[in-house]
């Protein structure tokens, strides 16, 4: 954010932080509860990709620093996979980690594109 840009209101800042926190919490909960039904082929990776893309978009809205945001979102995706390995009903999957990182990269890229388009 440049020095000339208007600063968000306190309420907007709280809304941004709350949305990021809730999205992150939803990912943790959704990743650690037992699965309740079959998943379509490839659907699991698409869910990972979309979930971490959304997480990165929200993170960029809070802290528009691409590399730290991508690293933090990807690290969370890796941590979730290790946590799943500790449960008797979920499994560790490197392909899920890759989908998480790729989704986070897309989210960062979309946030950068949106910022560029806003500037004109």
C-alpha atoms as a PDB file:
ATOM      1  CA  UNK A   1       0.000   0.000   0.000  1.00  0.00           C
ATOM      2  CA  UNK A   2       1.470   3.353  -0.964  1.00  0.00           C
ATOM      3  CA  UNK A   3       1.696   6.282   1.420  1.00  0.00           C
ATOM      4  CA  UNK A   4      -0.948   8.109  -0.656  1.00  0.00           C
ATOM      5  CA  UNK A   5      -3.495   5.304  -0.429  1.00  0.00           C
ATOM      6  CA  UNK A   6      -6.303   5.804   2.072  1.00  0.00           C
ATOM      7  CA  UNK A   7      -6.001   3.629   5.135  1.00  0.00           C
ATOM      8  CA  UNK A   8      -8.856   1.178   5.801  1.00  0.00           C
ATOM      9  CA  UNK A   9     -11.167   1.963   8.696  1.00  0.00           C
ATOM     10  CA  UNK A  10     -10.829   0.039  11.940  1.00  0.00           C
ATOM     11  CA  UNK A  11     -14.059  -1.848  11.154  1.00  0.00           C
ATOM     12  CA  UNK A  12     -12.749  -2.805   7.702  1.00  0.00           C
ATOM     13  CA  UNK A  13      -9.462  -3.977   9.170  1.00  0.00           C
ATOM     14  CA  UNK A  14     -11.334  -6.128  11.693  1.00  0.00           C
ATOM     15  CA  UNK A  15     -13.560  -7.535   8.940  1.00  0.00           C
ATOM     16  CA  UNK A  16     -10.509  -8.417   6.843  1.00  0.00           C
ATOM     17  CA  UNK A  17      -8.778 -10.133   9.747  1.00  0.00           C
ATOM     18  CA  UNK A  18     -11.939 -11.963  10.779  1.00  0.00           C
ATOM     19  CA  UNK A  19     -12.563 -13.252   7.262  1.00  0.00           C
ATOM     20  CA  UNK A  20      -8.983 -14.517   6.976  1.00  0.00           C
ATOM     21  CA  UNK A  21      -9.153 -16.158  10.412  1.00  0.00           C
ATOM     22  CA  UNK A  22     -12.493 -17.824   9.705  1.00  0.00           C
ATOM     23  CA  UNK A  23     -11.328 -19.118   6.324  1.00  0.00           C
ATOM     24  CA  UNK A  24      -8.172 -20.529   7.879  1.00  0.00           C
ATOM     25  CA  UNK A  25     -10.159 -22.120  10.688  1.00  0.00           C
ATOM     26  CA  UNK A  26     -12.584 -23.635   8.174  1.00  0.00           C
ATOM     27  CA  UNK A  27      -9.661 -25.188   6.302  1.00  0.00           C
ATOM     28  CA  UNK A  28      -8.249 -26.696   9.514  1.00  0.00           C
ATOM     29  CA  UNK A  29     -11.625 -28.057  10.611  1.00  0.00           C
ATOM     30  CA  UNK A  30     -12.544 -29.335   7.155  1.00  0.00           C
ATOM     31  CA  UNK A  31      -9.163 -31.008   6.835  1.00  0.00           C
ATOM     32  CA  UNK A  32      -9.237 -32.763  10.177  1.00  0.00           C
ATOM     33  CA  UNK A  33     -12.811 -34.035  10.519  1.00  0.00           C
ATOM     34  CA  UNK A  34     -13.625 -37.512   9.191  1.00  0.00           C
ATOM     35  CA  UNK A  35     -14.763 -37.628   5.562  1.00  0.00           C
ATOM     36  CA  UNK A  36     -18.479 -38.351   5.288  1.00  0.00           C
ATOM     37  CA  UNK A  37     -18.798 -39.613   1.732  1.00  0.00           C
ATOM     38  CA  UNK A  38     -17.107 -40.337  -1.550  1.00  0.00           C
ATOM     39  CA  UNK A  39     -15.199 -37.600  -3.335  1.00  0.00           C
ATOM     40  CA  UNK A  40     -15.315 -37.273  -7.106  1.00  0.00           C
ATOM     41  CA  UNK A  41     -12.082 -38.207  -8.896  1.00  0.00           C
ATOM     42  CA  UNK A  42      -9.793 -35.179  -8.703  1.00  0.00           C
ATOM     43  CA  UNK A  43     -12.321 -33.366  -6.532  1.00  0.00           C
ATOM     44  CA  UNK A  44     -10.074 -33.556  -3.507  1.00  0.00           C
ATOM     45  CA  UNK A  45      -7.238 -31.721  -5.278  1.00  0.00           C
ATOM     46  CA  UNK A  46      -9.664 -29.130  -6.621  1.00  0.00           C
ATOM     47  CA  UNK A  47     -10.918 -28.494  -3.077  1.00  0.00           C
ATOM     48  CA  UNK A  48      -7.349 -28.032  -1.858  1.00  0.00           C
ATOM     49  CA  UNK A  49      -6.521 -25.741  -4.781  1.00  0.00           C
ATOM     50  CA  UNK A  50      -9.615 -23.567  -4.299  1.00  0.00           C
ATOM     51  CA  UNK A  51      -9.377 -23.468  -0.508  1.00  0.00           C
ATOM     52  CA  UNK A  52      -5.791 -22.266  -0.459  1.00  0.00           C
ATOM     53  CA  UNK A  53      -6.431 -19.893  -3.359  1.00  0.00           C
ATOM     54  CA  UNK A  54      -9.138 -18.248  -1.272  1.00  0.00           C
ATOM     55  CA  UNK A  55      -6.871 -18.228   1.765  1.00  0.00           C
ATOM     56  CA  UNK A  56      -4.115 -16.459  -0.183  1.00  0.00           C
ATOM     57  CA  UNK A  57      -6.559 -13.901  -1.612  1.00  0.00           C
ATOM     58  CA  UNK A  58      -7.766 -13.064   1.892  1.00  0.00           C
ATOM     59  CA  UNK A  59      -4.208 -12.985   3.200  1.00  0.00           C
ATOM     60  CA  UNK A  60      -3.153 -10.574   0.441  1.00  0.00           C
ATOM     61  CA  UNK A  61      -6.115  -8.370   1.367  1.00  0.00           C
ATOM     62  CA  UNK A  62      -4.638  -8.199   4.883  1.00  0.00           C
ATOM     63  CA  UNK A  63      -0.934  -8.075   4.032  1.00  0.00           C
ATOM     64  CA  UNK A  64      -0.141  -7.376   0.367  1.00  0.00           C
ATOM     65  CA  UNK A  65       3.313  -8.980   0.406  1.00  0.00           C
ATOM     66  CA  UNK A  66       3.294 -11.802  -2.145  1.00  0.00           C
ATOM     67  CA  UNK A  67       6.204 -13.980  -1.064  1.00  0.00           C
ATOM     68  CA  UNK A  68       5.430 -14.040   2.681  1.00  0.00           C
ATOM     69  CA  UNK A  69       1.739 -14.669   1.960  1.00  0.00           C
ATOM     70  CA  UNK A  70       2.493 -17.527  -0.440  1.00  0.00           C
ATOM     71  CA  UNK A  71       5.020 -19.048   1.974  1.00  0.00           C
ATOM     72  CA  UNK A  72       2.643 -18.795   4.952  1.00  0.00           C
ATOM     73  CA  UNK A  73      -0.304 -20.312   3.054  1.00  0.00           C
ATOM     74  CA  UNK A  74       1.851 -23.102   1.650  1.00  0.00           C
ATOM     75  CA  UNK A  75       3.366 -23.788   5.086  1.00  0.00           C
ATOM     76  CA  UNK A  76      -0.137 -24.055   6.522  1.00  0.00           C
ATOM     77  CA  UNK A  77      -1.009 -26.556   3.778  1.00  0.00           C
ATOM     78  CA  UNK A  78       2.032 -28.641   4.680  1.00  0.00           C
ATOM     79  CA  UNK A  79       1.189 -28.452   8.402  1.00  0.00           C
ATOM     80  CA  UNK A  80      -2.381 -29.577   7.734  1.00  0.00           C
ATOM     81  CA  UNK A  81      -1.112 -32.628   5.855  1.00  0.00           C
ATOM     82  CA  UNK A  82       1.179 -33.579   8.733  1.00  0.00           C
ATOM     83  CA  UNK A  83      -1.729 -33.107  11.161  1.00  0.00           C
ATOM     84  CA  UNK A  84      -3.890 -35.382   8.985  1.00  0.00           C
ATOM     85  CA  UNK A  85      -1.201 -38.054   9.262  1.00  0.00           C
ATOM     86  CA  UNK A  86      -1.792 -38.052  13.032  1.00  0.00           C
ATOM     87  CA  UNK A  87      -5.484 -38.924  12.670  1.00  0.00           C
ATOM     88  CA  UNK A  88      -6.748 -42.495  12.184  1.00  0.00           C
ATOM     89  CA  UNK A  89      -9.244 -41.419   9.500  1.00  0.00           C
ATOM     90  CA  UNK A  90      -7.270 -39.007   7.257  1.00  0.00           C
ATOM     91  CA  UNK A  91      -4.010 -39.470   5.384  1.00  0.00           C
ATOM     92  CA  UNK A  92      -0.863 -37.584   4.491  1.00  0.00           C
ATOM     93  CA  UNK A  93      -0.627 -36.746   0.777  1.00  0.00           C
ATOM     94  CA  UNK A  94       2.200 -34.865  -0.939  1.00  0.00           C
ATOM     95  CA  UNK A  95      -0.095 -34.212  -3.926  1.00  0.00           C
ATOM     96  CA  UNK A  96      -2.428 -32.326  -1.567  1.00  0.00           C
ATOM     97  CA  UNK A  97       0.523 -30.173  -0.474  1.00  0.00           C
ATOM     98  CA  UNK A  98       1.267 -29.373  -4.108  1.00  0.00           C
ATOM     99  CA  UNK A  99      -2.382 -28.467  -4.737  1.00  0.00           C
ATOM    100  CA  UNK A 100      -2.326 -26.237  -1.635  1.00  0.00           C
ATOM    101  CA  UNK A 101       0.804 -24.415  -2.806  1.00  0.00           C
ATOM    102  CA  UNK A 102      -0.483 -24.059  -6.369  1.00  0.00           C
ATOM    103  CA  UNK A 103      -3.800 -22.688  -5.127  1.00  0.00           C
ATOM    104  CA  UNK A 104      -1.995 -20.227  -2.871  1.00  0.00           C
ATOM    105  CA  UNK A 105       0.127 -19.110  -5.826  1.00  0.00           C
ATOM    106  CA  UNK A 106      -2.987 -18.518  -7.911  1.00  0.00           C
ATOM    107  CA  UNK A 107      -4.583 -16.542  -5.057  1.00  0.00           C
ATOM    108  CA  UNK A 108      -1.512 -14.325  -4.735  1.00  0.00           C
ATOM    109  CA  UNK A 109      -1.426 -13.851  -8.504  1.00  0.00           C
ATOM    110  CA  UNK A 110      -5.099 -12.898  -8.656  1.00  0.00           C
ATOM    111  CA  UNK A 111      -4.637 -10.404  -5.816  1.00  0.00           C
ATOM    112  CA  UNK A 112      -1.677  -8.812  -7.630  1.00  0.00           C
ATOM    113  CA  UNK A 113      -3.660  -8.651 -10.864  1.00  0.00           C
ATOM    114  CA  UNK A 114      -6.614  -7.042  -9.097  1.00  0.00           C
ATOM    115  CA  UNK A 115      -4.307  -4.450  -7.490  1.00  0.00           C
ATOM    116  CA  UNK A 116      -2.766  -3.654 -10.864  1.00  0.00           C
ATOM    117  CA  UNK A 117      -6.198  -3.281 -12.498  1.00  0.00           C
ATOM    118  CA  UNK A 118      -7.385  -0.975  -9.681  1.00  0.00           C
ATOM    119  CA  UNK A 119      -4.418   1.322 -10.279  1.00  0.00           C
ATOM    120  CA  UNK A 120      -5.396   1.576 -13.920  1.00  0.00           C
END
